[in-house]
Protein backbone atom coordinates (compact mmCIF):
# COMPACT_ATOMS: atom_id res chain seq x y z
CA MET A 1 -0.15 -0.25 -0.34
CA SER A 2 3.12 2.23 0.25
CA GLU A 3 3.03 3.43 -3.54
CA ARG A 4 -0.70 5.10 -2.72
CA ILE A 5 0.93 6.99 -0.08
CA SER A 6 2.02 10.17 -0.95
CA THR A 7 4.93 12.05 1.17
CA HIS A 8 5.86 15.14 1.87
CA ARG A 9 9.14 15.80 3.05
CA ALA A 10 10.72 18.63 4.70
CA LYS A 11 13.91 19.28 6.98
CA ALA A 12 14.43 20.88 10.18
CA ARG A 13 17.15 21.61 12.78
CA ALA A 14 16.60 20.23 15.96
CA GLY A 15 19.59 20.33 18.43
CA GLY A 16 22.22 20.63 15.87
CA GLU A 17 20.70 17.43 14.29
CA THR A 18 18.97 17.12 10.78
CA VAL A 19 15.73 15.52 11.25
CA VAL A 20 13.43 14.50 8.47
CA LEU A 21 9.60 15.01 8.62
CA ASP A 22 6.98 13.22 6.93
CA ASP A 23 4.16 15.48 6.98
CA ASP A 24 1.47 12.29 6.23
CA ALA A 25 2.84 10.12 8.72
CA THR A 26 2.63 13.30 11.59
CA LEU A 27 -1.04 13.34 10.45
CA HIS A 28 -1.22 9.80 10.54
CA ALA A 29 -0.12 9.42 13.97
CA MET A 30 -2.63 11.53 14.74
CA GLY A 31 -5.33 9.32 13.97
CA TYR A 32 -6.33 10.88 10.33
CA PRO A 33 -6.23 9.91 6.82
CA ARG A 34 -4.61 12.43 4.25
CA LYS A 35 -7.74 13.96 2.72
CA LEU A 36 -6.66 17.58 1.39
CA THR A 37 -3.91 18.48 -1.10
CA ARG A 38 -0.57 19.70 0.34
CA ARG A 39 0.32 22.18 -1.95
CA PHE A 40 0.99 25.45 0.26
CA LYS A 41 4.98 25.76 0.25
CA ALA A 42 6.25 27.82 3.26
CA PHE A 43 5.60 31.11 1.53
CA ASP A 44 1.93 29.96 0.88
CA ASN A 45 1.34 29.46 4.72
CA PHE A 46 3.01 32.68 5.80
CA ALA A 47 0.72 34.42 3.11
CA ILE A 48 -2.65 33.52 4.33
CA SER A 49 -1.82 34.75 7.52
CA PHE A 50 -0.25 38.03 6.52
CA THR A 51 -3.05 38.42 4.32
CA ILE A 52 -5.94 37.77 7.07
CA ILE A 53 -4.25 40.05 9.65
CA ASN A 54 -3.90 42.71 6.71
CA ILE A 55 -2.72 45.60 7.95
CA LEU A 56 -4.33 47.80 5.34
CA SER A 57 -7.73 46.35 5.77
CA GLY A 58 -7.24 46.45 9.94
CA ILE A 59 -5.60 50.42 9.98
CA PHE A 60 -8.20 51.91 7.55
CA SER A 61 -11.05 50.27 9.09
CA SER A 62 -10.21 51.37 12.63
CA PHE A 63 -7.90 54.31 12.30
CA GLY A 64 -10.71 56.64 13.14
CA PHE A 65 -11.33 54.80 16.58
CA GLY A 66 -7.68 54.98 17.71
CA MET A 67 -7.82 59.13 16.74
CA ASN A 68 -10.37 59.42 19.24
CA ALA A 69 -9.65 56.87 21.47
CA GLY A 70 -6.00 58.23 22.78
CA GLY A 71 -4.80 60.17 19.49
CA PRO A 72 -1.28 59.58 18.21
CA ARG A 73 0.33 58.74 21.18
CA ILE A 74 -1.92 55.48 21.52
CA LEU A 75 -1.85 54.57 18.10
CA VAL A 76 2.13 54.60 17.72
CA PHE A 77 3.34 53.50 21.13
CA GLY A 78 -0.03 51.10 21.73
CA TRP A 79 0.55 49.54 18.20
CA ILE A 80 4.34 48.73 19.21
CA GLY A 81 3.22 47.38 22.96
CA VAL A 82 0.35 45.52 22.00
CA SER A 83 2.16 43.97 18.43
CA VAL A 84 4.50 42.46 20.84
CA MET A 85 2.21 40.69 22.90
CA VAL A 86 0.31 39.56 19.96
CA LEU A 87 3.95 38.56 18.72
CA LEU A 88 4.17 36.06 22.08
CA ILE A 89 0.62 34.46 21.38
CA GLY A 90 1.76 33.67 18.14
CA ALA A 91 4.81 32.12 19.37
CA ALA A 92 2.84 30.27 21.89
CA MET A 93 0.48 28.75 19.04
CA GLY A 94 3.14 28.11 17.04
CA GLU A 95 4.65 25.55 19.57
CA VAL A 96 0.89 24.12 19.63
CA ALA A 97 0.73 24.09 16.02
CA SER A 98 4.13 22.39 15.64
CA ALA A 99 2.76 19.74 17.87
CA TYR A 100 -0.92 19.54 16.12
CA PRO A 101 -0.18 20.26 12.81
CA THR A 102 -3.78 19.34 11.42
CA SER A 103 -7.00 21.48 9.94
CA GLY A 104 -8.81 21.13 13.37
CA ALA A 105 -5.98 23.08 15.14
CA LEU A 106 -7.08 25.01 17.95
CA TYR A 107 -9.87 22.60 19.02
CA PHE A 108 -7.41 19.76 18.20
CA SER A 109 -5.12 20.50 20.14
CA ALA A 110 -7.50 21.75 23.33
CA GLY A 111 -8.99 17.60 23.16
CA LYS A 112 -5.38 16.21 22.77
CA LEU A 113 -3.57 18.66 25.33
CA ALA A 114 -6.45 18.46 28.20
CA LYS A 115 -6.16 16.41 31.06
CA ARG A 116 -9.87 15.59 31.68
CA HIS A 117 -13.17 16.78 29.71
CA LYS A 118 -11.29 16.59 26.72
CA GLY A 119 -14.53 16.65 24.66
CA ALA A 120 -15.86 19.91 26.59
CA TRP A 121 -12.69 21.86 26.25
CA SER A 122 -12.45 20.66 22.56
CA TRP A 123 -16.36 21.70 22.36
CA TYR A 124 -15.96 25.21 23.55
CA THR A 125 -12.75 25.88 21.81
CA GLY A 126 -13.93 24.88 18.71
CA TRP A 127 -17.32 27.06 18.59
CA LEU A 128 -15.75 30.13 19.82
CA ASN A 129 -13.19 29.53 16.84
CA PHE A 130 -16.37 28.87 14.42
CA VAL A 131 -17.89 31.75 15.77
CA GLY A 132 -15.12 34.38 15.52
CA GLN A 133 -13.98 33.34 11.92
CA ILE A 134 -17.65 33.35 10.85
CA GLY A 135 -17.55 36.85 11.90
CA GLY A 136 -14.45 37.76 10.76
CA THR A 137 -15.50 36.84 7.13
CA ALA A 138 -18.73 38.68 7.82
CA ALA A 139 -17.08 41.76 8.82
CA THR A 140 -14.15 41.83 6.24
CA GLY A 141 -16.72 41.56 3.45
CA TYR A 142 -18.66 44.61 5.24
CA ALA A 143 -15.57 46.62 5.58
CA ALA A 144 -14.85 46.23 2.00
CA ALA A 145 -18.36 47.36 1.08
CA THR A 146 -18.41 50.05 3.20
CA PHE A 147 -14.99 51.42 1.31
CA ILE A 148 -16.59 50.98 -2.09
CA GLN A 149 -19.62 52.83 -1.24
CA ALA A 150 -16.82 55.61 0.10
CA PHE A 151 -15.18 55.40 -3.64
CA ALA A 152 -18.37 55.41 -5.24
CA GLN A 153 -19.27 58.98 -3.48
CA LEU A 154 -16.09 60.04 -4.37
CA GLN A 155 -16.50 59.33 -8.16
CA TRP A 156 -19.99 60.26 -8.24
CA PRO A 157 -20.86 62.87 -5.79
CA SER A 158 -24.82 62.49 -6.27
CA TYR A 159 -24.33 58.36 -4.85
CA GLN A 160 -25.86 57.87 -1.74
CA ALA A 161 -24.93 55.07 0.62
CA THR A 162 -27.59 53.09 2.21
CA ALA A 163 -27.27 50.21 4.87
CA HIS A 164 -29.25 48.14 1.94
CA GLN A 165 -26.83 48.66 -0.75
CA THR A 166 -23.98 47.74 1.92
CA VAL A 167 -25.69 44.37 2.98
CA ALA A 168 -26.28 43.62 -0.94
CA ILE A 169 -22.28 44.63 -1.94
CA THR A 170 -21.29 42.22 0.98
CA ALA A 171 -23.55 39.74 0.05
CA VAL A 172 -21.69 39.74 -3.58
CA ILE A 173 -18.25 40.14 -2.37
CA ILE A 174 -18.71 37.26 0.33
CA ALA A 175 -20.52 34.85 -2.73
CA LEU A 176 -17.27 35.86 -4.83
CA GLN A 177 -14.90 34.57 -2.31
CA GLY A 178 -17.05 31.56 -2.17
CA LEU A 179 -16.40 30.76 -6.00
CA ALA A 180 -12.81 31.34 -5.77
CA ASN A 181 -12.38 28.88 -2.84
CA THR A 182 -14.61 26.12 -4.58
CA PHE A 183 -12.35 25.50 -7.37
CA THR A 184 -9.19 24.44 -6.50
CA VAL A 185 -6.58 25.17 -3.39
CA GLN A 186 -3.66 26.02 -6.12
CA LEU A 187 -5.83 29.26 -7.34
CA VAL A 188 -6.30 30.44 -3.63
CA ALA A 189 -2.51 29.87 -3.02
CA VAL A 190 -1.79 31.87 -6.13
CA LEU A 191 -4.54 34.37 -5.03
CA ASN A 192 -2.61 34.59 -1.21
CA ARG A 193 0.89 34.90 -2.93
CA ILE A 194 -0.93 38.22 -5.04
CA SER A 195 -2.25 39.28 -1.93
CA VAL A 196 1.26 39.94 -0.08
CA TRP A 197 2.53 41.53 -3.07
CA TRP A 198 -0.11 43.70 -3.32
CA LEU A 199 -0.06 44.55 0.48
CA LEU A 200 3.55 45.23 0.24
CA ILE A 201 3.85 47.20 -2.74
CA GLY A 202 0.30 49.17 -1.71
CA LEU A 203 1.87 50.07 1.16
CA VAL A 204 4.97 51.59 -0.14
CA VAL A 205 2.79 53.56 -2.73
CA ILE A 206 0.60 54.78 0.50
CA VAL A 207 3.35 55.60 2.43
CA GLY A 208 5.42 57.14 -0.08
CA ALA A 209 2.87 59.46 -1.39
CA LEU A 210 2.24 60.27 2.05
CA ILE A 211 5.67 61.45 2.52
CA VAL A 212 6.13 63.32 -1.10
CA MET A 213 3.04 64.82 -1.64
CA PRO A 214 1.64 66.65 1.30
CA ASP A 215 2.61 70.43 1.24
CA GLN A 216 3.07 70.09 5.19
CA HIS A 217 3.57 67.30 7.84
CA GLN A 218 3.09 67.37 11.69
CA PRO A 219 6.36 67.93 13.54
CA ALA A 220 7.85 65.35 15.53
CA SER A 221 6.58 65.64 18.75
CA PHE A 222 3.28 65.40 17.29
CA VAL A 223 3.27 61.55 17.79
CA THR A 224 3.05 62.28 22.00
CA HIS A 225 0.04 64.47 20.89
CA PHE A 226 -2.94 62.50 23.37
CA GLU A 227 -6.76 62.57 22.25
CA ASN A 228 -9.90 61.52 24.46
CA ASN A 229 -13.24 61.82 22.30
CA THR A 230 -14.77 59.32 23.92
CA GLY A 231 -16.79 61.26 25.80
CA PHE A 232 -15.47 59.54 29.18
CA THR A 233 -13.74 62.09 31.37
CA SER A 234 -10.69 59.44 32.26
CA GLY A 235 -8.05 59.73 30.14
CA LEU A 236 -6.51 56.31 31.33
CA TYR A 237 -9.47 54.69 30.34
CA GLY A 238 -9.66 56.48 26.60
CA GLY A 239 -6.08 55.81 26.12
CA MET A 240 -7.03 51.75 26.90
CA LEU A 241 -9.65 51.58 24.35
CA GLY A 242 -7.28 52.88 21.85
CA LEU A 243 -5.10 50.16 22.30
CA LEU A 244 -7.67 47.73 20.26
CA VAL A 245 -6.95 49.25 17.46
CA THR A 246 -3.78 47.23 17.50
CA SER A 247 -5.82 44.03 18.02
CA TRP A 248 -8.80 44.66 15.70
CA THR A 249 -5.82 44.47 13.40
CA PHE A 250 -3.85 41.27 14.54
CA THR A 251 -6.94 38.65 14.01
CA GLY A 252 -7.16 35.69 12.18
CA PHE A 253 -3.24 34.44 12.58
CA ASP A 254 -4.23 30.94 13.22
CA GLY A 255 -4.86 30.31 9.34
CA SER A 256 -1.65 29.09 9.09
CA PHE A 257 -2.28 26.52 11.45
CA HIS A 258 -5.92 25.30 9.91
CA MET A 259 -3.78 25.29 6.79
CA SER A 260 -1.49 22.64 8.05
CA GLU A 261 -2.91 19.67 6.26
CA GLU A 262 -1.99 21.28 2.92
CA THR A 263 1.13 22.86 3.84
CA VAL A 264 4.69 20.98 3.37
CA GLY A 265 6.55 20.47 6.32
CA ALA A 266 3.57 21.64 8.33
CA THR A 267 5.44 20.86 11.63
CA VAL A 268 7.85 23.87 10.95
CA ASN A 269 6.21 25.85 8.10
CA ALA A 270 2.67 26.38 10.23
CA PRO A 271 4.51 27.69 12.99
CA LYS A 272 6.93 30.01 11.36
CA GLY A 273 4.11 31.07 8.74
CA ILE A 274 2.34 32.29 12.09
CA ILE A 275 5.46 33.92 13.53
CA ARG A 276 6.45 35.87 10.20
CA ALA A 277 2.93 37.45 9.49
CA ILE A 278 2.94 38.92 12.66
CA GLY A 279 6.09 40.10 12.93
CA TYR A 280 6.05 41.43 9.40
CA SER A 281 2.60 43.01 10.05
CA ALA A 282 3.60 44.76 13.39
CA ILE A 283 6.43 46.46 11.09
CA THR A 284 4.80 47.76 8.13
CA GLY A 285 1.59 48.68 10.15
CA LEU A 286 3.92 50.67 12.39
CA ILE A 287 5.45 52.39 9.40
CA LEU A 288 1.85 52.95 7.98
CA ILE A 289 0.61 54.10 11.19
CA LEU A 290 3.58 56.53 11.32
CA ALA A 291 2.57 57.99 7.62
CA LEU A 292 -0.89 58.45 8.64
CA VAL A 293 -0.59 60.51 11.83
CA TYR A 294 1.94 62.79 10.24
CA SER A 295 -0.13 63.77 7.33
CA ILE A 296 -3.00 64.72 9.30
CA SER A 297 -3.47 68.48 8.87
CA ASP A 298 -6.81 69.67 10.36
CA TYR A 299 -7.48 67.12 13.38
CA ALA A 300 -10.81 68.04 14.39
CA LYS A 301 -11.92 67.67 10.55
CA VAL A 302 -10.10 64.55 9.90
CA ALA A 303 -11.28 62.96 12.98
CA GLY A 304 -15.05 63.89 12.62
CA ALA A 305 -14.94 62.66 8.83
CA GLY A 306 -17.20 59.41 8.18
CA THR A 307 -13.87 57.63 7.07
CA PRO A 308 -11.03 59.18 8.37
CA PRO A 309 -7.94 57.67 6.93
CA VAL A 310 -9.61 58.70 3.57
CA GLN A 311 -9.96 62.38 4.67
CA ILE A 312 -6.14 62.44 5.13
CA LEU A 313 -5.47 60.98 1.64
CA ILE A 314 -7.95 63.36 0.48
CA ASP A 315 -6.30 66.50 2.29
CA GLY A 316 -2.73 65.59 1.27
CA LEU A 317 -2.76 63.72 -1.86
CA GLY A 318 -6.01 65.29 -3.81
CA LEU A 319 -8.80 63.92 -4.62
CA GLY A 320 -7.87 61.96 -8.04
CA VAL A 321 -4.27 60.58 -6.20
CA ALA A 322 -6.64 59.48 -2.93
CA LYS A 323 -9.15 57.38 -5.44
CA VAL A 324 -6.23 55.72 -6.39
CA MET A 325 -5.15 54.66 -2.85
CA LEU A 326 -8.76 54.01 -1.85
CA LEU A 327 -9.04 51.10 -4.78
CA ILE A 328 -5.59 49.85 -3.23
CA VAL A 329 -6.78 49.44 0.29
CA ILE A 330 -10.27 48.04 -1.38
CA GLY A 331 -8.13 45.40 -3.10
CA ALA A 332 -6.34 44.33 0.08
CA MET A 333 -10.01 43.86 2.19
CA LEU A 334 -10.95 41.82 -0.68
CA PHE A 335 -8.17 39.70 -0.43
CA CYS A 336 -8.43 38.88 3.39
CA GLY A 337 -12.01 38.20 3.02
CA LEU A 338 -10.68 35.29 0.88
CA ALA A 339 -8.06 34.07 2.94
CA ASN A 340 -10.57 34.18 5.84
CA LEU A 341 -12.96 32.42 4.36
CA THR A 342 -10.15 29.60 3.13
CA SER A 343 -9.91 29.60 6.99
CA ASN A 344 -12.85 29.30 7.98
CA THR A 345 -13.22 26.37 5.91
CA ARG A 346 -10.81 24.23 6.98
CA GLN A 347 -11.79 24.88 10.30
CA ILE A 348 -15.60 23.79 9.68
CA PHE A 349 -14.22 20.42 7.90
CA ALA A 350 -11.89 19.55 10.60
CA PHE A 351 -14.55 19.62 12.96
CA SER A 352 -17.14 18.03 11.17
CA ARG A 353 -14.59 15.16 10.55
CA ASP A 354 -14.76 14.89 14.45
CA GLY A 355 -18.77 14.69 14.64
CA ALA A 356 -19.15 18.12 16.22
CA MET A 357 -21.60 19.99 13.79
CA PRO A 358 -24.52 19.36 12.52
CA GLY A 359 -24.67 17.41 9.31
CA SER A 360 -21.12 16.91 9.61
CA ARG A 361 -20.93 13.89 7.08
CA TRP A 362 -21.85 16.91 4.68
CA TRP A 363 -19.30 19.24 5.83
CA HIS A 364 -16.47 17.03 5.96
CA SER A 365 -16.69 15.74 2.62
CA VAL A 366 -13.68 16.45 -0.20
CA SER A 367 -14.65 17.19 -3.92
CA PRO A 368 -12.80 14.41 -5.58
CA ARG A 369 -12.05 16.81 -8.53
CA THR A 370 -10.71 20.07 -6.58
CA ARG A 371 -9.59 18.40 -3.48
CA THR A 372 -11.33 21.01 -1.39
CA PRO A 373 -14.15 20.91 0.99
CA VAL A 374 -16.31 22.87 -1.39
CA LYS A 375 -19.46 21.80 0.82
CA ALA A 376 -17.87 23.21 3.74
CA VAL A 377 -17.07 26.41 1.78
CA TRP A 378 -20.26 27.31 0.81
CA LEU A 379 -21.22 26.49 4.81
CA ALA A 380 -19.14 29.13 5.53
CA VAL A 381 -20.35 31.70 2.83
CA GLY A 382 -23.91 30.63 4.43
CA CYS A 383 -23.13 31.65 7.70
CA SER A 384 -21.55 34.45 7.19
CA LEU A 385 -24.37 36.07 4.97
CA ALA A 386 -26.76 35.09 7.65
CA LEU A 387 -24.82 37.54 10.29
CA VAL A 388 -24.80 40.14 7.81
CA VAL A 389 -28.54 40.29 7.06
CA PRO A 390 -29.35 42.32 10.47
CA GLY A 391 -27.49 44.97 8.89
CA TRP A 392 -30.24 45.75 6.23
CA TRP A 393 -32.33 47.21 9.19
CA SER A 394 -29.39 47.87 12.00
CA HIS A 395 -25.86 48.94 12.10
CA THR A 396 -25.64 48.19 15.48
CA ALA A 397 -27.24 44.48 15.34
CA PHE A 398 -24.66 44.24 12.78
CA THR A 399 -21.75 44.97 15.04
CA ALA A 400 -23.19 43.25 18.14
CA ILE A 401 -22.92 40.04 15.92
CA VAL A 402 -19.65 40.37 14.40
CA SER A 403 -17.88 42.17 17.56
CA VAL A 404 -17.94 38.09 19.06
CA ASN A 405 -15.17 37.94 16.28
CA VAL A 406 -12.16 39.48 17.88
CA VAL A 407 -13.60 38.12 21.51
CA GLY A 408 -14.23 34.62 20.30
CA LEU A 409 -10.93 33.76 18.14
CA PHE A 410 -8.44 35.03 20.82
CA LEU A 411 -10.25 33.12 23.72
CA ALA A 412 -10.32 29.97 21.40
CA TYR A 413 -6.37 30.94 21.26
CA ALA A 414 -6.12 31.06 24.68
CA VAL A 415 -7.56 27.85 25.84
CA PRO A 416 -4.73 24.87 23.85
CA ILE A 417 -2.10 27.80 24.93
CA PHE A 418 -3.52 27.38 28.85
CA LEU A 419 -3.82 23.56 28.36
CA ARG A 420 -0.49 23.30 27.25
CA LEU A 421 1.09 25.41 30.21
CA ARG A 422 -1.18 23.08 32.83
CA LEU A 423 0.10 20.00 31.15
CA GLY A 424 3.73 21.01 32.24
CA ASN A 425 6.52 18.74 31.18
CA ALA A 426 4.28 16.26 29.88
CA PHE A 427 3.46 18.29 27.03
CA GLN A 428 5.40 16.62 24.13
CA PRO A 429 6.37 19.74 21.32
CA GLY A 430 7.17 19.41 17.81
CA PRO A 431 9.91 20.40 15.79
CA TRP A 432 9.77 23.99 16.31
CA HIS A 433 9.45 24.51 19.77
CA LEU A 434 10.21 27.54 22.51
CA GLY A 435 12.26 25.65 24.92
CA ARG A 436 12.59 27.17 28.29
CA TRP A 437 10.83 29.95 27.09
CA GLY A 438 7.77 28.37 26.57
CA ARG A 439 5.84 28.50 30.16
CA PRO A 440 6.86 32.31 30.59
CA ILE A 441 6.15 33.30 27.29
CA GLY A 442 2.69 31.35 27.16
CA TRP A 443 1.63 32.45 30.82
CA LEU A 444 1.94 36.14 29.47
CA ALA A 445 0.02 35.64 26.30
CA VAL A 446 -2.97 34.02 28.22
CA VAL A 447 -2.97 37.05 30.63
CA TRP A 448 -2.72 39.34 28.11
CA ILE A 449 -5.53 37.46 26.09
CA PHE A 450 -7.66 37.73 29.75
CA LEU A 451 -7.09 41.85 29.82
CA SER A 452 -7.40 42.50 25.97
CA SER A 453 -10.98 40.42 25.98
CA ILE A 454 -12.17 42.56 29.54
CA LEU A 455 -11.35 46.00 27.01
CA PHE A 456 -13.22 44.34 24.23
CA MET A 457 -16.34 43.95 26.29
CA LEU A 458 -16.02 47.50 27.89
CA PRO A 459 -17.99 50.38 27.09
CA GLN A 460 -16.48 52.26 24.01
CA ALA A 461 -17.98 55.79 24.04
CA SER A 462 -20.37 58.04 26.18
CA PRO A 463 -23.18 58.34 26.92
CA ILE A 464 -23.86 55.12 26.71
CA THR A 465 -27.01 54.67 24.20
CA VAL A 466 -28.71 51.89 22.12
CA ASP A 467 -26.58 52.66 19.24
CA SER A 468 -23.42 53.23 21.19
CA PHE A 469 -23.65 50.44 23.42
CA ASN A 470 -20.92 47.44 23.29
CA TYR A 471 -22.59 44.79 22.09
CA ALA A 472 -19.89 41.92 22.63
CA PRO A 473 -20.57 40.54 25.85
CA ILE A 474 -24.08 40.30 24.85
CA ALA A 475 -23.04 38.59 22.00
CA LEU A 476 -20.39 36.33 23.48
CA ALA A 477 -22.33 35.42 26.40
CA ALA A 478 -25.40 34.31 23.95
CA VAL A 479 -22.86 31.89 22.26
CA LEU A 480 -21.65 30.30 25.15
CA LEU A 481 -25.14 30.07 26.35
CA ILE A 482 -26.14 27.89 23.04
CA ALA A 483 -22.90 25.91 23.02
CA THR A 484 -23.46 25.10 26.67
CA VAL A 485 -27.14 24.12 26.25
CA TRP A 486 -26.21 21.76 23.42
CA TRP A 487 -23.54 20.38 24.93
CA PHE A 488 -25.55 19.39 28.14
CA THR A 489 -28.66 18.23 25.87
CA THR A 490 -27.07 16.08 22.88
CA ALA A 491 -22.78 16.58 22.37
CA ARG A 492 -21.45 15.11 25.56
CA ARG A 493 -23.37 12.31 24.71
CA ARG A 494 -21.95 11.94 21.05
CA PHE A 495 -18.46 13.94 21.28
CA GLN A 496 -15.76 13.33 23.03
CA GLY A 497 -13.20 15.49 21.07
CA PRO A 498 -11.23 14.68 18.06
CA VAL A 499 -11.50 11.36 17.00
CA SER A 500 -9.10 8.55 15.47
CA TYR A 501 -9.57 6.96 12.43
CA GLY A 502 -7.63 3.93 13.44
CA ARG A 503 -4.17 2.90 13.59
CA PRO A 504 -1.16 4.52 11.40
CA ASP A 505 -1.29 2.07 8.59
CA GLU A 506 -5.10 1.62 8.45
CA VAL A 507 -5.69 5.61 8.01
CA ALA A 508 -2.68 5.76 5.53
CA ALA A 509 -4.83 3.20 3.43
CA MET A 510 -7.60 5.53 3.75
CA ASP A 511 -5.63 8.60 2.25
CA LEU A 512 -7.55 10.29 -0.78
CA ILE A 513 -5.24 9.28 -4.19
């Protein structure tokens, strides 16, 4: 049967020796046959997380909030500090990814690392991850639709953006991204490679224009300027809220983990993909923030604009050039949504493979023609569209639903890291590991996730009204309540955590040719 097993080997350095890693053998040892095609190289794996983080999309979407919650001081120094903490989270996650390189990623590793109640740990982690990713796909599509309409208003001044049009455009975007994910993983890999260069070249073009074209820039000391327009009297509280700009941007780097079963040399390339995506995003994001901050001309005018970064571009570059720059940002958002949906699909595929979703037999099936989980793609599309629909009537309702995106994802990140720490020396690391730094880095990561999650659930504007209320805790509570009721009524009797399809030799015979 060995001639049917397509092995993919990669070399890694461990303890001064060269170790040959067999991707399929690693997967078989975890109890799974190979159903997906390994076409992602190291760069492709990095590209998906780098694209999901997407500094152009994240910073342009949240920059205005940061201008009113701390201003330049928090935008710049908060970015540096939070980036370091996210890098620690990525490093701790990378260590787990090296030990358990599967599409199940967070929920799979949680089930394997738990000492007791493996099914429950895996169940809650998986559903937090699922809802967080669905919310991310919906929110990214909605942001792209918003900026597309901002471009339309610049191009055709008579155009009036409405909530109905935003929802309709979002639906078209997500459906097209579903079509792209339907065909082949090779197409997605190519698009992700393009997205990296789109982001980097776009960054150079935007930053270069902001350096050269404006008639004047703010003085160097402007980076320490503090602004608190949140409505709260406490400057400390306003500044703490401004830290969310960076946290909002740095989500989705678990994408490299989820693509493990389609990555060559996954035990090394998946954790490296996570670390590189966060590191490069931190550096390039800081450059973009500095360029935007120093190009602000009239602070009050920009901070009060509907899309402050677009106003900065118009003021500094002129309307014609600003429209070109806006097209670059829109392209980045579309690439971000595509990568987010890809990662989301793999999580659904793996979660269904272990029987944790209704209709699991459907969602973990793989198309024999494209070698992709096509049905899972369209489940992800359908769920994302369902989250977008409330925006037809109320932007507040939509925000309440997708706000759980960030909190859900980071809590899902924390669980396997915490369980790895609780396991102590019994944890068996993969070829990529942190050595003696694993525990201190892991604890710092868990503590930061706990603190930042509290920030995400606090009121973000005063006075607190129906429109300004932060619905994140209600949305999160609703998700946890549904998961808990479901768990105690039926799931705990049929779901015991990640399943094994047999011994390594048995699952090897099940590999999809």
